[in-house]
Amino acid sequence: DVTLTIKDPSRDPEYTVKAKAGGSITLFLPDTGGMSWAADSVGTLGKPKEEVIPGFAPQTLGHQFKWAGLKAGKTTVTFGNRKAAPKGAPPAAPTSTFKLTIDAT
């Protein structure tokens, strides 16, 4: 199982990780300044289990994304960082993105 914490996605906007097929991967991204991360494109992985984690860093919430039962192969997940939209409104356009490539063997 792989756990990955990206403290500053603006400095590292893309990351590749190797994982075992059948295993899991957990990714932590910081939610700061009223912004929140969302998985915009999940490739073949499907929707992740999401959770907001308090205390990720001082005065910063963390956003956790977890996939279990990884299938063999390579896929890229794209995340968008955006302000929360009012209920019922379409999501706002992302102000920044992060790409995670998972190579499961």
PDB file of N, CA and C in Angstrom:
ATOM      1  N   ASP A   1       0.839  -1.182   0.000  1.00  0.00           N
ATOM      2  CA  ASP A   1       0.000   0.000   0.000  1.00  0.00           C
ATOM      3  C   ASP A   1       0.883   1.244   0.000  1.00  0.00           C
ATOM      4  N   VAL A   2       0.448   2.255  -0.737  1.00  0.00           N
ATOM      5  CA  VAL A   2       1.234   3.474  -0.910  1.00  0.00           C
ATOM      6  C   VAL A   2       0.481   4.658  -0.301  1.00  0.00           C
ATOM      7  N   THR A   3       1.195   5.472   0.474  1.00  0.00           N
ATOM      8  CA  THR A   3       0.657   6.718   0.999  1.00  0.00           C
ATOM      9  C   THR A   3       1.546   7.840   0.498  1.00  0.00           C
ATOM     10  N   LEU A   4       0.921   8.857  -0.079  1.00  0.00           N
ATOM     11  CA  LEU A   4       1.657   9.954  -0.694  1.00  0.00           C
ATOM     12  C   LEU A   4       1.105  11.277  -0.189  1.00  0.00           C
ATOM     13  N   THR A   5       1.987  12.134   0.320  1.00  0.00           N
ATOM     14  CA  THR A   5       1.596  13.462   0.790  1.00  0.00           C
ATOM     15  C   THR A   5       2.293  14.507  -0.065  1.00  0.00           C
ATOM     16  N   ILE A   6       1.503  15.356  -0.705  1.00  0.00           N
ATOM     17  CA  ILE A   6       2.048  16.454  -1.503  1.00  0.00           C
ATOM     18  C   ILE A   6       1.783  17.737  -0.724  1.00  0.00           C
ATOM     19  N   LYS A   7       2.840  18.335  -0.190  1.00  0.00           N
ATOM     20  CA  LYS A   7       2.687  19.524   0.640  1.00  0.00           C
ATOM     21  C   LYS A   7       2.476  20.792  -0.166  1.00  0.00           C
ATOM     22  N   ASP A   8       3.055  20.860  -1.360  1.00  0.00           N
ATOM     23  CA  ASP A   8       2.919  22.064  -2.181  1.00  0.00           C
ATOM     24  C   ASP A   8       2.710  21.658  -3.647  1.00  0.00           C
ATOM     25  N   PRO A   9       1.450  21.396  -4.036  1.00  0.00           N
ATOM     26  CA  PRO A   9       1.187  20.971  -5.411  1.00  0.00           C
ATOM     27  C   PRO A   9       1.596  21.995  -6.467  1.00  0.00           C
ATOM     28  N   SER A  10       1.718  23.271  -6.104  1.00  0.00           N
ATOM     29  CA  SER A  10       2.144  24.263  -7.090  1.00  0.00           C
ATOM     30  C   SER A  10       3.616  24.069  -7.456  1.00  0.00           C
ATOM     31  N   ARG A  11       4.400  23.518  -6.541  1.00  0.00           N
ATOM     32  CA  ARG A  11       5.823  23.253  -6.824  1.00  0.00           C
ATOM     33  C   ARG A  11       6.009  21.905  -7.493  1.00  0.00           C
ATOM     34  N   ASP A  12       5.120  20.961  -7.190  1.00  0.00           N
ATOM     35  CA  ASP A  12       5.180  19.615  -7.763  1.00  0.00           C
ATOM     36  C   ASP A  12       3.828  19.301  -8.399  1.00  0.00           C
ATOM     37  N   PRO A  13       3.515  19.873  -9.586  1.00  0.00           N
ATOM     38  CA  PRO A  13       2.181  19.701 -10.167  1.00  0.00           C
ATOM     39  C   PRO A  13       1.929  18.338 -10.803  1.00  0.00           C
ATOM     40  N   GLU A  14       2.974  17.506 -10.907  1.00  0.00           N
ATOM     41  CA  GLU A  14       2.819  16.161 -11.456  1.00  0.00           C
ATOM     42  C   GLU A  14       3.680  15.202 -10.647  1.00  0.00           C
ATOM     43  N   TYR A  15       3.153  14.000 -10.439  1.00  0.00           N
ATOM     44  CA  TYR A  15       3.890  13.011  -9.660  1.00  0.00           C
ATOM     45  C   TYR A  15       3.538  11.625 -10.191  1.00  0.00           C
ATOM     46  N   THR A  16       4.527  10.744 -10.268  1.00  0.00           N
ATOM     47  CA  THR A  16       4.319   9.363 -10.683  1.00  0.00           C
ATOM     48  C   THR A  16       4.710   8.450  -9.531  1.00  0.00           C
ATOM     49  N   VAL A  17       3.866   7.441  -9.286  1.00  0.00           N
ATOM     50  CA  VAL A  17       4.111   6.522  -8.189  1.00  0.00           C
ATOM     51  C   VAL A  17       3.886   5.090  -8.680  1.00  0.00           C
ATOM     52  N   LYS A  18       4.713   4.175  -8.173  1.00  0.00           N
ATOM     53  CA  LYS A  18       4.537   2.755  -8.463  1.00  0.00           C
ATOM     54  C   LYS A  18       3.777   2.124  -7.303  1.00  0.00           C
ATOM     55  N   ALA A  19       2.870   1.207  -7.643  1.00  0.00           N
ATOM     56  CA  ALA A  19       2.068   0.528  -6.632  1.00  0.00           C
ATOM     57  C   ALA A  19       1.872  -0.923  -7.064  1.00  0.00           C
ATOM     58  N   LYS A  20       1.453  -1.748  -6.116  1.00  0.00           N
ATOM     59  CA  LYS A  20       1.177  -3.147  -6.422  1.00  0.00           C
ATOM     60  C   LYS A  20      -0.261  -3.299  -6.882  1.00  0.00           C
ATOM     61  N   ALA A  21      -0.446  -4.098  -7.937  1.00  0.00           N
ATOM     62  CA  ALA A  21      -1.804  -4.418  -8.371  1.00  0.00           C
ATOM     63  C   ALA A  21      -2.504  -5.123  -7.208  1.00  0.00           C
ATOM     64  N   GLY A  22      -3.749  -4.761  -6.968  1.00  0.00           N
ATOM     65  CA  GLY A  22      -4.491  -5.310  -5.842  1.00  0.00           C
ATOM     66  C   GLY A  22      -4.325  -4.512  -4.562  1.00  0.00           C
ATOM     67  N   GLY A  23      -3.335  -3.635  -4.525  1.00  0.00           N
ATOM     68  CA  GLY A  23      -3.066  -2.824  -3.337  1.00  0.00           C
ATOM     69  C   GLY A  23      -3.896  -1.550  -3.337  1.00  0.00           C
ATOM     70  N   SER A  24      -3.465  -0.597  -2.529  1.00  0.00           N
ATOM     71  CA  SER A  24      -4.192   0.670  -2.435  1.00  0.00           C
ATOM     72  C   SER A  24      -3.216   1.833  -2.494  1.00  0.00           C
ATOM     73  N   ILE A  25      -3.775   2.996  -2.777  1.00  0.00           N
ATOM     74  CA  ILE A  25      -2.987   4.224  -2.749  1.00  0.00           C
ATOM     75  C   ILE A  25      -3.828   5.292  -2.064  1.00  0.00           C
ATOM     76  N   THR A  26      -3.172   6.043  -1.181  1.00  0.00           N
ATOM     77  CA  THR A  26      -3.811   7.151  -0.488  1.00  0.00           C
ATOM     78  C   THR A  26      -2.998   8.404  -0.770  1.00  0.00           C
ATOM     79  N   LEU A  27      -3.682   9.444  -1.243  1.00  0.00           N
ATOM     80  CA  LEU A  27      -3.050  10.710  -1.581  1.00  0.00           C
ATOM     81  C   LEU A  27      -3.607  11.806  -0.681  1.00  0.00           C
ATOM     82  N   PHE A  28      -2.709  12.627  -0.128  1.00  0.00           N
ATOM     83  CA  PHE A  28      -3.102  13.781   0.679  1.00  0.00           C
ATOM     84  C   PHE A  28      -2.672  15.057  -0.035  1.00  0.00           C
ATOM     85  N   LEU A  29      -3.618  15.993  -0.208  1.00  0.00           N
ATOM     86  CA  LEU A  29      -3.342  17.309  -0.781  1.00  0.00           C
ATOM     87  C   LEU A  29      -3.856  18.371   0.185  1.00  0.00           C
ATOM     88  N   PRO A  30      -3.185  19.527   0.289  1.00  0.00           N
ATOM     89  CA  PRO A  30      -3.627  20.574   1.220  1.00  0.00           C
ATOM     90  C   PRO A  30      -4.764  21.425   0.655  1.00  0.00           C
ATOM     91  N   ASP A  31      -5.814  21.620   1.459  1.00  0.00           N
ATOM     92  CA  ASP A  31      -6.894  22.559   1.126  1.00  0.00           C
ATOM     93  C   ASP A  31      -6.573  23.866   1.844  1.00  0.00           C
ATOM     94  N   THR A  32      -6.234  24.908   1.102  1.00  0.00           N
ATOM     95  CA  THR A  32      -5.864  26.180   1.729  1.00  0.00           C
ATOM     96  C   THR A  32      -6.618  27.333   1.096  1.00  0.00           C
ATOM     97  N   GLY A  33      -6.739  28.418   1.832  1.00  0.00           N
ATOM     98  CA  GLY A  33      -7.298  29.660   1.311  1.00  0.00           C
ATOM     99  C   GLY A  33      -8.708  29.542   0.773  1.00  0.00           C
ATOM    100  N   GLY A  34      -9.552  28.709   1.393  1.00  0.00           N
ATOM    101  CA  GLY A  34     -10.920  28.554   0.931  1.00  0.00           C
ATOM    102  C   GLY A  34     -11.056  27.711  -0.327  1.00  0.00           C
ATOM    103  N   MET A  35      -9.975  27.059  -0.719  1.00  0.00           N
ATOM    104  CA  MET A  35      -9.970  26.222  -1.912  1.00  0.00           C
ATOM    105  C   MET A  35     -10.042  24.760  -1.485  1.00  0.00           C
ATOM    106  N   SER A  36     -10.481  23.914  -2.402  1.00  0.00           N
ATOM    107  CA  SER A  36     -10.592  22.487  -2.112  1.00  0.00           C
ATOM    108  C   SER A  36     -10.245  21.689  -3.367  1.00  0.00           C
ATOM    109  N   TRP A  37      -9.566  20.562  -3.172  1.00  0.00           N
ATOM    110  CA  TRP A  37      -9.194  19.686  -4.275  1.00  0.00           C
ATOM    111  C   TRP A  37     -10.329  18.725  -4.588  1.00  0.00           C
ATOM    112  N   ALA A  38     -10.475  18.385  -5.869  1.00  0.00           N
ATOM    113  CA  ALA A  38     -11.447  17.392  -6.313  1.00  0.00           C
ATOM    114  C   ALA A  38     -10.818  16.579  -7.435  1.00  0.00           C
ATOM    115  N   ALA A  39     -11.154  15.282  -7.482  1.00  0.00           N
ATOM    116  CA  ALA A  39     -10.681  14.423  -8.568  1.00  0.00           C
ATOM    117  C   ALA A  39     -11.546  14.700  -9.789  1.00  0.00           C
ATOM    118  N   ASP A  40     -10.960  15.334 -10.806  1.00  0.00           N
ATOM    119  CA  ASP A  40     -11.709  15.716 -12.002  1.00  0.00           C
ATOM    120  C   ASP A  40     -11.738  14.611 -13.045  1.00  0.00           C
ATOM    121  N   SER A  41     -10.658  13.875 -13.172  1.00  0.00           N
ATOM    122  CA  SER A  41     -10.552  12.798 -14.149  1.00  0.00           C
ATOM    123  C   SER A  41      -9.819  11.647 -13.478  1.00  0.00           C
ATOM    124  N   VAL A  42     -10.478  10.495 -13.353  1.00  0.00           N
ATOM    125  CA  VAL A  42      -9.898   9.395 -12.570  1.00  0.00           C
ATOM    126  C   VAL A  42      -9.406   8.231 -13.415  1.00  0.00           C
ATOM    127  N   GLY A  43      -9.407   8.379 -14.718  1.00  0.00           N
ATOM    128  CA  GLY A  43      -8.924   7.301 -15.567  1.00  0.00           C
ATOM    129  C   GLY A  43      -9.709   6.026 -15.317  1.00  0.00           C
ATOM    130  N   THR A  44      -9.025   4.913 -15.196  1.00  0.00           N
ATOM    131  CA  THR A  44      -9.679   3.616 -14.995  1.00  0.00           C
ATOM    132  C   THR A  44      -9.886   3.288 -13.514  1.00  0.00           C
ATOM    133  N   LEU A  45      -9.498   4.195 -12.624  1.00  0.00           N
ATOM    134  CA  LEU A  45      -9.562   3.895 -11.191  1.00  0.00           C
ATOM    135  C   LEU A  45     -10.952   3.978 -10.586  1.00  0.00           C
ATOM    136  N   GLY A  46     -11.808   4.779 -11.157  1.00  0.00           N
ATOM    137  CA  GLY A  46     -13.113   5.017 -10.555  1.00  0.00           C
ATOM    138  C   GLY A  46     -13.011   6.075  -9.471  1.00  0.00           C
ATOM    139  N   LYS A  47     -14.156   6.444  -8.928  1.00  0.00           N
ATOM    140  CA  LYS A  47     -14.227   7.513  -7.928  1.00  0.00           C
ATOM    141  C   LYS A  47     -13.497   7.096  -6.649  1.00  0.00           C
ATOM    142  N   PRO A  48     -12.646   7.980  -6.111  1.00  0.00           N
ATOM    143  CA  PRO A  48     -11.933   7.644  -4.874  1.00  0.00           C
ATOM    144  C   PRO A  48     -12.817   7.861  -3.643  1.00  0.00           C
ATOM    145  N   LYS A  49     -12.434   7.230  -2.558  1.00  0.00           N
ATOM    146  CA  LYS A  49     -13.037   7.540  -1.267  1.00  0.00           C
ATOM    147  C   LYS A  49     -12.368   8.838  -0.828  1.00  0.00           C
ATOM    148  N   GLU A  50     -13.173   9.851  -0.460  1.00  0.00           N
ATOM    149  CA  GLU A  50     -12.631  11.163  -0.081  1.00  0.00           C
ATOM    150  C   GLU A  50     -12.932  11.476   1.368  1.00  0.00           C
ATOM    151  N   GLU A  51     -12.012  12.211   1.971  1.00  0.00           N
ATOM    152  CA  GLU A  51     -12.200  12.653   3.355  1.00  0.00           C
ATOM    153  C   GLU A  51     -11.392  13.935   3.566  1.00  0.00           C
ATOM    154  N   VAL A  52     -11.947  14.857   4.350  1.00  0.00           N
ATOM    155  CA  VAL A  52     -11.223  16.076   4.719  1.00  0.00           C
ATOM    156  C   VAL A  52     -10.599  15.826   6.084  1.00  0.00           C
ATOM    157  N   ILE A  53      -9.304  16.092   6.200  1.00  0.00           N
ATOM    158  CA  ILE A  53      -8.537  15.806   7.407  1.00  0.00           C
ATOM    159  C   ILE A  53      -8.113  17.117   8.064  1.00  0.00           C
ATOM    160  N   PRO A  54      -8.596  17.397   9.289  1.00  0.00           N
ATOM    161  CA  PRO A  54      -8.119  18.607   9.985  1.00  0.00           C
ATOM    162  C   PRO A  54      -6.676  18.418  10.459  1.00  0.00           C
ATOM    163  N   GLY A  55      -5.954  19.524  10.559  1.00  0.00           N
ATOM    164  CA  GLY A  55      -4.598  19.478  11.101  1.00  0.00           C
ATOM    165  C   GLY A  55      -3.559  18.929  10.158  1.00  0.00           C
ATOM    166  N   PHE A  56      -3.808  19.011   8.860  1.00  0.00           N
ATOM    167  CA  PHE A  56      -2.836  18.558   7.866  1.00  0.00           C
ATOM    168  C   PHE A  56      -1.518  19.301   8.043  1.00  0.00           C
ATOM    169  N   ALA A  57      -1.656  20.597   8.264  1.00  0.00           N
ATOM    170  CA  ALA A  57      -0.534  21.492   8.564  1.00  0.00           C
ATOM    171  C   ALA A  57      -1.152  22.615   9.393  1.00  0.00           C
ATOM    172  N   PRO A  58      -0.355  23.472  10.016  1.00  0.00           N
ATOM    173  CA  PRO A  58      -0.948  24.561  10.798  1.00  0.00           C
ATOM    174  C   PRO A  58      -1.976  25.350   9.974  1.00  0.00           C
ATOM    175  N   GLN A  59      -3.182  25.448  10.481  1.00  0.00           N
ATOM    176  CA  GLN A  59      -4.283  26.188   9.870  1.00  0.00           C
ATOM    177  C   GLN A  59      -4.615  25.698   8.459  1.00  0.00           C
ATOM    178  N   THR A  60      -4.390  24.425   8.206  1.00  0.00           N
ATOM    179  CA  THR A  60      -4.638  23.861   6.880  1.00  0.00           C
ATOM    180  C   THR A  60      -5.356  22.528   7.006  1.00  0.00           C
ATOM    181  N   LEU A  61      -6.428  22.377   6.233  1.00  0.00           N
ATOM    182  CA  LEU A  61      -7.103  21.093   6.134  1.00  0.00           C
ATOM    183  C   LEU A  61      -6.416  20.275   5.057  1.00  0.00           C
ATOM    184  N   GLY A  62      -6.494  18.980   5.177  1.00  0.00           N
ATOM    185  CA  GLY A  62      -5.966  18.108   4.143  1.00  0.00           C
ATOM    186  C   GLY A  62      -7.105  17.395   3.453  1.00  0.00           C
ATOM    187  N   HIS A  63      -6.945  17.094   2.201  1.00  0.00           N
ATOM    188  CA  HIS A  63      -7.948  16.350   1.452  1.00  0.00           C
ATOM    189  C   HIS A  63      -7.341  14.987   1.122  1.00  0.00           C
ATOM    190  N   GLN A  64      -8.005  13.935   1.565  1.00  0.00           N
ATOM    191  CA  GLN A  64      -7.517  12.570   1.350  1.00  0.00           C
ATOM    192  C   GLN A  64      -8.316  11.908   0.241  1.00  0.00           C
ATOM    193  N   PHE A  65      -7.593  11.270  -0.681  1.00  0.00           N
ATOM    194  CA  PHE A  65      -8.193  10.486  -1.759  1.00  0.00           C
ATOM    195  C   PHE A  65      -7.622   9.077  -1.648  1.00  0.00           C
ATOM    196  N   LYS A  66      -8.488   8.060  -1.647  1.00  0.00           N
ATOM    197  CA  LYS A  66      -8.002   6.690  -1.501  1.00  0.00           C
ATOM    198  C   LYS A  66      -8.686   5.773  -2.508  1.00  0.00           C
ATOM    199  N   TRP A  67      -7.848   4.967  -3.160  1.00  0.00           N
ATOM    200  CA  TRP A  67      -8.322   3.913  -4.047  1.00  0.00           C
ATOM    201  C   TRP A  67      -7.796   2.589  -3.519  1.00  0.00           C
ATOM    202  N   ALA A  68      -8.633   1.556  -3.544  1.00  0.00           N
ATOM    203  CA  ALA A  68      -8.228   0.215  -3.114  1.00  0.00           C
ATOM    204  C   ALA A  68      -8.488  -0.754  -4.272  1.00  0.00           C
ATOM    205  N   GLY A  69      -7.800  -1.881  -4.236  1.00  0.00           N
ATOM    206  CA  GLY A  69      -7.982  -2.889  -5.281  1.00  0.00           C
ATOM    207  C   GLY A  69      -7.500  -2.418  -6.638  1.00  0.00           C
ATOM    208  N   LEU A  70      -6.306  -1.831  -6.669  1.00  0.00           N
ATOM    209  CA  LEU A  70      -5.753  -1.312  -7.922  1.00  0.00           C
ATOM    210  C   LEU A  70      -5.605  -2.417  -8.959  1.00  0.00           C
ATOM    211  N   LYS A  71      -5.974  -2.107 -10.200  1.00  0.00           N
ATOM    212  CA  LYS A  71      -5.788  -3.042 -11.303  1.00  0.00           C
ATOM    213  C   LYS A  71      -4.449  -2.749 -11.958  1.00  0.00           C
ATOM    214  N   ALA A  72      -3.831  -3.801 -12.511  1.00  0.00           N
ATOM    215  CA  ALA A  72      -2.542  -3.643 -13.175  1.00  0.00           C
ATOM    216  C   ALA A  72      -2.684  -2.682 -14.355  1.00  0.00           C
ATOM    217  N   GLY A  73      -1.682  -1.831 -14.511  1.00  0.00           N
ATOM    218  CA  GLY A  73      -1.666  -0.882 -15.615  1.00  0.00           C
ATOM    219  C   GLY A  73      -1.275   0.498 -15.135  1.00  0.00           C
ATOM    220  N   LYS A  74      -1.227   1.403 -16.095  1.00  0.00           N
ATOM    221  CA  LYS A  74      -0.825   2.776 -15.802  1.00  0.00           C
ATOM    222  C   LYS A  74      -2.004   3.696 -16.087  1.00  0.00           C
ATOM    223  N   THR A  75      -2.314   4.576 -15.160  1.00  0.00           N
ATOM    224  CA  THR A  75      -3.396   5.540 -15.340  1.00  0.00           C
ATOM    225  C   THR A  75      -3.034   6.863 -14.698  1.00  0.00           C
ATOM    226  N   THR A  76      -3.601   7.939 -15.215  1.00  0.00           N
ATOM    227  CA  THR A  76      -3.347   9.273 -14.682  1.00  0.00           C
ATOM    228  C   THR A  76      -4.641   9.853 -14.146  1.00  0.00           C
ATOM    229  N   VAL A  77      -4.552  10.419 -12.952  1.00  0.00           N
ATOM    230  CA  VAL A  77      -5.675  11.075 -12.301  1.00  0.00           C
ATOM    231  C   VAL A  77      -5.370  12.568 -12.284  1.00  0.00           C
ATOM    232  N   THR A  78      -6.345  13.385 -12.663  1.00  0.00           N
ATOM    233  CA  THR A  78      -6.185  14.829 -12.650  1.00  0.00           C
ATOM    234  C   THR A  78      -7.086  15.424 -11.573  1.00  0.00           C
ATOM    235  N   PHE A  79      -6.504  16.272 -10.742  1.00  0.00           N
ATOM    236  CA  PHE A  79      -7.221  16.937  -9.658  1.00  0.00           C
ATOM    237  C   PHE A  79      -7.284  18.427  -9.966  1.00  0.00           C
ATOM    238  N   GLY A  80      -8.409  19.055  -9.599  1.00  0.00           N
ATOM    239  CA  GLY A  80      -8.553  20.491  -9.748  1.00  0.00           C
ATOM    240  C   GLY A  80      -8.734  21.131  -8.386  1.00  0.00           C
ATOM    241  N   ASN A  81      -8.110  22.276  -8.199  1.00  0.00           N
ATOM    242  CA  ASN A  81      -8.216  23.030  -6.951  1.00  0.00           C
ATOM    243  C   ASN A  81      -9.107  24.241  -7.224  1.00  0.00           C
ATOM    244  N   ARG A  82     -10.224  24.342  -6.499  1.00  0.00           N
ATOM    245  CA  ARG A  82     -11.203  25.392  -6.792  1.00  0.00           C
ATOM    246  C   ARG A  82     -11.931  25.832  -5.540  1.00  0.00           C
ATOM    247  N   LYS A  83     -12.552  27.004  -5.643  1.00  0.00           N
ATOM    248  CA  LYS A  83     -13.415  27.482  -4.560  1.00  0.00           C
ATOM    249  C   LYS A  83     -14.706  26.678  -4.605  1.00  0.00           C
ATOM    250  N   ALA A  84     -15.284  26.471  -3.440  1.00  0.00           N
ATOM    251  CA  ALA A  84     -16.542  25.732  -3.364  1.00  0.00           C
ATOM    252  C   ALA A  84     -17.642  26.519  -4.075  1.00  0.00           C
ATOM    253  N   ALA A  85     -18.449  25.814  -4.856  1.00  0.00           N
ATOM    254  CA  ALA A  85     -19.583  26.435  -5.541  1.00  0.00           C
ATOM    255  C   ALA A  85     -20.815  26.332  -4.649  1.00  0.00           C
ATOM    256  N   PRO A  86     -21.740  27.265  -4.769  1.00  0.00           N
ATOM    257  CA  PRO A  86     -22.979  27.164  -3.998  1.00  0.00           C
ATOM    258  C   PRO A  86     -23.714  25.865  -4.339  1.00  0.00           C
ATOM    259  N   LYS A  87     -24.504  25.352  -3.395  1.00  0.00           N
ATOM    260  CA  LYS A  87     -25.234  24.101  -3.622  1.00  0.00           C
ATOM    261  C   LYS A  87     -26.110  24.229  -4.862  1.00  0.00           C
ATOM    262  N   GLY A  88     -26.052  23.212  -5.705  1.00  0.00           N
ATOM    263  CA  GLY A  88     -26.846  23.184  -6.928  1.00  0.00           C
ATOM    264  C   GLY A  88     -26.172  23.847  -8.110  1.00  0.00           C
ATOM    265  N   ALA A  89     -25.124  24.610  -7.865  1.00  0.00           N
ATOM    266  CA  ALA A  89     -24.410  25.281  -8.958  1.00  0.00           C
ATOM    267  C   ALA A  89     -23.330  24.350  -9.514  1.00  0.00           C
ATOM    268  N   PRO A  90     -22.996  24.496 -10.785  1.00  0.00           N
ATOM    269  CA  PRO A  90     -21.905  23.678 -11.326  1.00  0.00           C
ATOM    270  C   PRO A  90     -20.585  24.051 -10.655  1.00  0.00           C
ATOM    271  N   PRO A  91     -19.647  23.110 -10.614  1.00  0.00           N
ATOM    272  CA  PRO A  91     -18.357  23.425  -9.993  1.00  0.00           C
ATOM    273  C   PRO A  91     -17.648  24.567 -10.706  1.00  0.00           C
ATOM    274  N   ALA A  92     -16.933  25.351  -9.925  1.00  0.00           N
ATOM    275  CA  ALA A  92     -16.133  26.441 -10.492  1.00  0.00           C
ATOM    276  C   ALA A  92     -14.958  25.844 -11.267  1.00  0.00           C
ATOM    277  N   ALA A  93     -14.436  26.611 -12.198  1.00  0.00           N
ATOM    278  CA  ALA A  93     -13.254  26.168 -12.937  1.00  0.00           C
ATOM    279  C   ALA A  93     -12.069  26.093 -11.970  1.00  0.00           C
ATOM    280  N   PRO A  94     -11.206  25.088 -12.136  1.00  0.00           N
ATOM    281  CA  PRO A  94     -10.055  24.992 -11.237  1.00  0.00           C
ATOM    282  C   PRO A  94      -9.070  26.131 -11.437  1.00  0.00           C
ATOM    283  N   THR A  95      -8.468  26.573 -10.341  1.00  0.00           N
ATOM    284  CA  THR A  95      -7.445  27.612 -10.425  1.00  0.00           C
ATOM    285  C   THR A  95      -6.060  26.997 -10.581  1.00  0.00           C
ATOM    286  N   SER A  96      -5.933  25.721 -10.216  1.00  0.00           N
ATOM    287  CA  SER A  96      -4.690  24.990 -10.425  1.00  0.00           C
ATOM    288  C   SER A  96      -5.023  23.507 -10.524  1.00  0.00           C
ATOM    289  N   THR A  97      -4.076  22.739 -11.053  1.00  0.00           N
ATOM    290  CA  THR A  97      -4.297  21.304 -11.209  1.00  0.00           C
ATOM    291  C   THR A  97      -3.098  20.523 -10.672  1.00  0.00           C
ATOM    292  N   PHE A  98      -3.346  19.252 -10.408  1.00  0.00           N
ATOM    293  CA  PHE A  98      -2.313  18.323  -9.991  1.00  0.00           C
ATOM    294  C   PHE A  98      -2.585  17.012 -10.710  1.00  0.00           C
ATOM    295  N   LYS A  99      -1.528  16.394 -11.255  1.00  0.00           N
ATOM    296  CA  LYS A  99      -1.676  15.117 -11.954  1.00  0.00           C
ATOM    297  C   LYS A  99      -0.881  14.040 -11.227  1.00  0.00           C
ATOM    298  N   LEU A 100      -1.559  12.934 -10.970  1.00  0.00           N
ATOM    299  CA  LEU A 100      -0.929  11.774 -10.342  1.00  0.00           C
ATOM    300  C   LEU A 100      -1.009  10.608 -11.316  1.00  0.00           C
ATOM    301  N   THR A 101       0.145  10.077 -11.691  1.00  0.00           N
ATOM    302  CA  THR A 101       0.191   8.889 -12.545  1.00  0.00           C
ATOM    303  C   THR A 101       0.517   7.702 -11.657  1.00  0.00           C
ATOM    304  N   ILE A 102      -0.314   6.670 -11.748  1.00  0.00           N
ATOM    305  CA  ILE A 102      -0.148   5.468 -10.941  1.00  0.00           C
ATOM    306  C   ILE A 102       0.217   4.330 -11.881  1.00  0.00           C
ATOM    307  N   ASP A 103       1.340   3.677 -11.611  1.00  0.00           N
ATOM    308  CA  ASP A 103       1.818   2.549 -12.383  1.00  0.00           C
ATOM    309  C   ASP A 103       1.697   1.313 -11.485  1.00  0.00           C
ATOM    310  N   ALA A 104       0.626   0.553 -11.643  1.00  0.00           N
ATOM    311  CA  ALA A 104       0.384  -0.633 -10.824  1.00  0.00           C
ATOM    312  C   ALA A 104       0.851  -1.894 -11.558  1.00  0.00           C
ATOM    313  N   THR A 105       1.719  -2.651 -10.884  1.00  0.00           N
ATOM    314  CA  THR A 105       2.232  -3.889 -11.491  1.00  0.00           C
ATOM    315  C   THR A 105       2.049  -5.049 -10.548  1.00  0.00           C
TER     316      THR A 105
END
